[in-house]
Amino acid sequence: AKQKGMVLSAAILMFLKADPVEQGEFLKQIATARITDGVQATIERIRAEQADAVIQRRSRSRKAAKKADDPIHRRTNLPNMDDLK
């Protein structure tokens, strides 16, 4: 429940930071989803679009690293507060 509250808070923050035109588009998508497919179908479509975007981003970064002859290394240890000086 706590994580869902944080996600909702983050979504509200992202909405408030968005351009008013984008806010209108988001509201339009939700209103249209309720009329046509339902909100669940819209959420599933957006998740699929997000997954595709992540795959494309990874693919581009791997290709750029290969082209620059600089392999991508995964970060094995995360920074902590002491590292952020």
N, C-alpha and C. Protein backbone atom coordinates (compact mmCIF):
# COMPACT_ATOMS: atom_id res chain seq x y z
N ALA A 1 0.83 -1.19 0.00
CA ALA A 1 0.00 0.00 0.00
C ALA A 1 0.87 1.26 0.00
N LYS A 2 1.98 1.21 0.75
CA LYS A 2 2.86 2.37 0.82
C LYS A 2 3.48 2.66 -0.55
N GLN A 3 3.88 1.59 -1.27
CA GLN A 3 4.49 1.76 -2.58
C GLN A 3 3.48 2.32 -3.58
N LYS A 4 2.24 1.88 -3.51
CA LYS A 4 1.21 2.41 -4.40
C LYS A 4 0.98 3.89 -4.15
N GLY A 5 1.03 4.29 -2.89
CA GLY A 5 0.89 5.70 -2.55
C GLY A 5 2.03 6.53 -3.11
N MET A 6 3.24 5.97 -3.06
CA MET A 6 4.40 6.68 -3.61
C MET A 6 4.29 6.79 -5.13
N VAL A 7 3.82 5.75 -5.78
CA VAL A 7 3.65 5.78 -7.24
C VAL A 7 2.59 6.80 -7.62
N LEU A 8 1.50 6.82 -6.88
CA LEU A 8 0.45 7.80 -7.15
C LEU A 8 0.97 9.22 -6.94
N SER A 9 1.74 9.43 -5.88
CA SER A 9 2.32 10.75 -5.62
C SER A 9 3.27 11.16 -6.74
N ALA A 10 4.08 10.21 -7.22
CA ALA A 10 4.99 10.50 -8.32
C ALA A 10 4.22 10.83 -9.59
N ALA A 11 3.14 10.11 -9.83
CA ALA A 11 2.32 10.38 -11.02
C ALA A 11 1.70 11.77 -10.95
N ILE A 12 1.23 12.15 -9.77
CA ILE A 12 0.65 13.48 -9.61
C ILE A 12 1.72 14.54 -9.83
N LEU A 13 2.91 14.31 -9.30
CA LEU A 13 4.01 15.26 -9.48
C LEU A 13 4.37 15.39 -10.96
N MET A 14 4.47 14.27 -11.66
CA MET A 14 4.79 14.31 -13.08
C MET A 14 3.70 15.05 -13.85
N PHE A 15 2.45 14.84 -13.48
CA PHE A 15 1.34 15.52 -14.15
C PHE A 15 1.43 17.02 -13.91
N LEU A 16 1.72 17.42 -12.68
CA LEU A 16 1.80 18.84 -12.37
C LEU A 16 2.99 19.52 -13.05
N LYS A 17 4.07 18.78 -13.24
CA LYS A 17 5.25 19.35 -13.90
C LYS A 17 5.10 19.41 -15.42
N ALA A 18 4.14 18.64 -15.94
CA ALA A 18 3.95 18.58 -17.40
C ALA A 18 3.39 19.91 -17.91
N ASP A 19 3.67 20.15 -19.18
CA ASP A 19 3.11 21.30 -19.88
C ASP A 19 1.58 21.19 -19.87
N PRO A 20 0.85 22.31 -19.76
CA PRO A 20 -0.61 22.24 -19.76
C PRO A 20 -1.20 21.52 -20.98
N VAL A 21 -0.55 21.63 -22.12
CA VAL A 21 -1.02 20.91 -23.31
C VAL A 21 -0.90 19.40 -23.08
N GLU A 22 0.24 18.97 -22.51
CA GLU A 22 0.41 17.55 -22.20
C GLU A 22 -0.61 17.09 -21.17
N GLN A 23 -0.86 17.91 -20.16
CA GLN A 23 -1.86 17.56 -19.15
C GLN A 23 -3.21 17.31 -19.82
N GLY A 24 -3.58 18.18 -20.75
CA GLY A 24 -4.84 18.01 -21.47
C GLY A 24 -4.87 16.71 -22.26
N GLU A 25 -3.73 16.38 -22.89
CA GLU A 25 -3.66 15.13 -23.65
C GLU A 25 -3.83 13.92 -22.73
N PHE A 26 -3.20 13.96 -21.55
CA PHE A 26 -3.33 12.85 -20.59
C PHE A 26 -4.79 12.70 -20.16
N LEU A 27 -5.44 13.82 -19.83
CA LEU A 27 -6.84 13.76 -19.42
C LEU A 27 -7.73 13.25 -20.55
N LYS A 28 -7.41 13.67 -21.77
CA LYS A 28 -8.18 13.23 -22.94
C LYS A 28 -8.04 11.71 -23.13
N GLN A 29 -6.81 11.19 -22.94
CA GLN A 29 -6.60 9.74 -23.08
C GLN A 29 -7.42 8.96 -22.06
N ILE A 30 -7.46 9.46 -20.82
CA ILE A 30 -8.23 8.77 -19.78
C ILE A 30 -9.72 8.84 -20.10
N ALA A 31 -10.22 10.00 -20.48
CA ALA A 31 -11.64 10.15 -20.80
C ALA A 31 -12.02 9.26 -21.99
N THR A 32 -11.18 9.24 -23.01
CA THR A 32 -11.44 8.41 -24.19
C THR A 32 -11.39 6.93 -23.83
N ALA A 33 -10.45 6.55 -22.95
CA ALA A 33 -10.32 5.15 -22.55
C ALA A 33 -11.58 4.67 -21.84
N ARG A 34 -12.16 5.51 -21.02
CA ARG A 34 -13.38 5.12 -20.30
C ARG A 34 -14.54 4.88 -21.27
N ILE A 35 -14.54 5.63 -22.35
CA ILE A 35 -15.64 5.51 -23.31
C ILE A 35 -15.43 4.31 -24.23
N THR A 36 -14.20 4.10 -24.69
CA THR A 36 -13.96 3.06 -25.71
C THR A 36 -13.52 1.74 -25.09
N ASP A 37 -12.24 1.60 -24.79
CA ASP A 37 -11.69 0.30 -24.41
C ASP A 37 -11.70 0.04 -22.91
N GLY A 38 -11.77 1.07 -22.15
CA GLY A 38 -11.61 0.91 -20.71
C GLY A 38 -10.21 1.30 -20.31
N VAL A 39 -10.07 1.70 -19.09
CA VAL A 39 -8.79 2.20 -18.59
C VAL A 39 -7.75 1.09 -18.56
N GLN A 40 -8.15 -0.14 -18.22
CA GLN A 40 -7.19 -1.25 -18.14
C GLN A 40 -6.53 -1.51 -19.48
N ALA A 41 -7.29 -1.47 -20.56
CA ALA A 41 -6.71 -1.69 -21.89
C ALA A 41 -5.74 -0.57 -22.24
N THR A 42 -6.07 0.65 -21.85
CA THR A 42 -5.16 1.78 -22.11
C THR A 42 -3.87 1.62 -21.33
N ILE A 43 -3.98 1.19 -20.08
CA ILE A 43 -2.78 0.98 -19.25
C ILE A 43 -1.91 -0.11 -19.87
N GLU A 44 -2.51 -1.18 -20.33
CA GLU A 44 -1.73 -2.25 -20.96
C GLU A 44 -1.04 -1.76 -22.24
N ARG A 45 -1.74 -0.95 -23.04
CA ARG A 45 -1.15 -0.41 -24.27
C ARG A 45 0.03 0.50 -23.93
N ILE A 46 -0.12 1.34 -22.92
CA ILE A 46 0.95 2.26 -22.54
C ILE A 46 2.15 1.50 -21.99
N ARG A 47 1.90 0.44 -21.22
CA ARG A 47 3.01 -0.39 -20.71
C ARG A 47 3.78 -1.03 -21.87
N ALA A 48 3.06 -1.50 -22.87
CA ALA A 48 3.72 -2.09 -24.04
C ALA A 48 4.55 -1.04 -24.77
N GLU A 49 3.99 0.17 -24.93
CA GLU A 49 4.75 1.25 -25.57
C GLU A 49 6.00 1.59 -24.76
N GLN A 50 5.87 1.62 -23.43
CA GLN A 50 7.00 1.91 -22.56
C GLN A 50 8.08 0.84 -22.70
N ALA A 51 7.67 -0.42 -22.73
CA ALA A 51 8.64 -1.51 -22.88
C ALA A 51 9.38 -1.40 -24.21
N ASP A 52 8.65 -1.08 -25.28
CA ASP A 52 9.29 -0.90 -26.58
C ASP A 52 10.29 0.24 -26.55
N ALA A 53 9.93 1.34 -25.88
CA ALA A 53 10.83 2.49 -25.80
C ALA A 53 12.11 2.14 -25.03
N VAL A 54 11.98 1.36 -23.97
CA VAL A 54 13.16 0.94 -23.20
C VAL A 54 14.06 0.06 -24.05
N ILE A 55 13.47 -0.87 -24.78
CA ILE A 55 14.26 -1.76 -25.64
C ILE A 55 14.99 -0.95 -26.71
N GLN A 56 14.31 0.01 -27.32
CA GLN A 56 14.95 0.84 -28.33
C GLN A 56 16.09 1.67 -27.74
N ARG A 57 15.88 2.22 -26.55
CA ARG A 57 16.93 3.00 -25.90
C ARG A 57 18.16 2.15 -25.60
N ARG A 58 17.93 0.95 -25.08
CA ARG A 58 19.05 0.05 -24.79
C ARG A 58 19.79 -0.32 -26.06
N SER A 59 19.02 -0.60 -27.10
CA SER A 59 19.62 -0.99 -28.37
C SER A 59 20.49 0.13 -28.91
N ARG A 60 19.98 1.36 -28.86
CA ARG A 60 20.75 2.51 -29.36
C ARG A 60 22.02 2.72 -28.54
N SER A 61 21.92 2.59 -27.20
CA SER A 61 23.09 2.83 -26.37
C SER A 61 24.14 1.73 -26.58
N ARG A 62 23.69 0.49 -26.78
CA ARG A 62 24.64 -0.60 -27.04
C ARG A 62 25.33 -0.40 -28.39
N LYS A 63 24.55 0.01 -29.40
CA LYS A 63 25.14 0.26 -30.71
C LYS A 63 26.14 1.41 -30.65
N ALA A 64 25.80 2.46 -29.92
CA ALA A 64 26.71 3.61 -29.80
C ALA A 64 27.99 3.21 -29.07
N ALA A 65 27.87 2.39 -28.03
CA ALA A 65 29.04 1.95 -27.29
C ALA A 65 29.91 1.05 -28.15
N LYS A 66 29.27 0.17 -28.92
CA LYS A 66 30.02 -0.71 -29.81
C LYS A 66 30.75 0.09 -30.88
N LYS A 67 30.06 1.08 -31.42
CA LYS A 67 30.66 1.92 -32.44
C LYS A 67 31.85 2.70 -31.89
N ALA A 68 31.75 3.13 -30.63
CA ALA A 68 32.83 3.89 -29.99
C ALA A 68 33.88 2.95 -29.39
N ASP A 69 33.67 1.63 -29.56
CA ASP A 69 34.57 0.63 -28.99
C ASP A 69 34.69 0.79 -27.48
N ASP A 70 33.55 1.04 -26.84
CA ASP A 70 33.50 1.24 -25.40
C ASP A 70 32.37 0.37 -24.86
N PRO A 71 32.68 -0.84 -24.39
CA PRO A 71 31.62 -1.74 -23.95
C PRO A 71 30.84 -1.16 -22.76
N ILE A 72 29.57 -1.51 -22.69
CA ILE A 72 28.72 -1.07 -21.58
C ILE A 72 28.98 -1.97 -20.40
N HIS A 73 29.23 -1.37 -19.26
CA HIS A 73 29.44 -2.12 -18.02
C HIS A 73 28.27 -1.86 -17.09
N ARG A 74 27.76 -2.91 -16.53
CA ARG A 74 26.67 -2.75 -15.58
C ARG A 74 27.23 -2.32 -14.24
N ARG A 75 26.50 -1.46 -13.57
CA ARG A 75 26.91 -0.98 -12.25
C ARG A 75 26.55 -2.05 -11.23
N THR A 76 27.54 -2.51 -10.50
CA THR A 76 27.29 -3.57 -9.53
C THR A 76 27.09 -3.04 -8.12
N ASN A 77 27.61 -1.86 -7.84
CA ASN A 77 27.38 -1.29 -6.52
C ASN A 77 26.75 0.09 -6.70
N LEU A 78 25.71 0.34 -5.95
CA LEU A 78 24.99 1.60 -6.07
C LEU A 78 25.62 2.64 -5.16
N PRO A 79 25.59 3.91 -5.56
CA PRO A 79 26.13 4.96 -4.70
C PRO A 79 25.30 5.13 -3.45
N ASN A 80 25.94 5.54 -2.40
CA ASN A 80 25.20 5.85 -1.18
C ASN A 80 25.38 7.34 -0.88
N MET A 81 24.83 7.80 0.22
CA MET A 81 24.84 9.22 0.53
C MET A 81 26.27 9.76 0.68
N ASP A 82 27.21 8.94 1.14
CA ASP A 82 28.59 9.38 1.31
C ASP A 82 29.27 9.65 -0.04
N ASP A 83 28.80 8.95 -1.08
CA ASP A 83 29.39 9.12 -2.42
C ASP A 83 28.90 10.38 -3.12
N LEU A 84 27.88 11.01 -2.60
CA LEU A 84 27.25 12.13 -3.27
C LEU A 84 27.73 13.47 -2.77
N LYS A 85 28.98 13.59 -2.40
CA LYS A 85 29.51 14.84 -1.86
C LYS A 85 29.73 15.87 -2.93
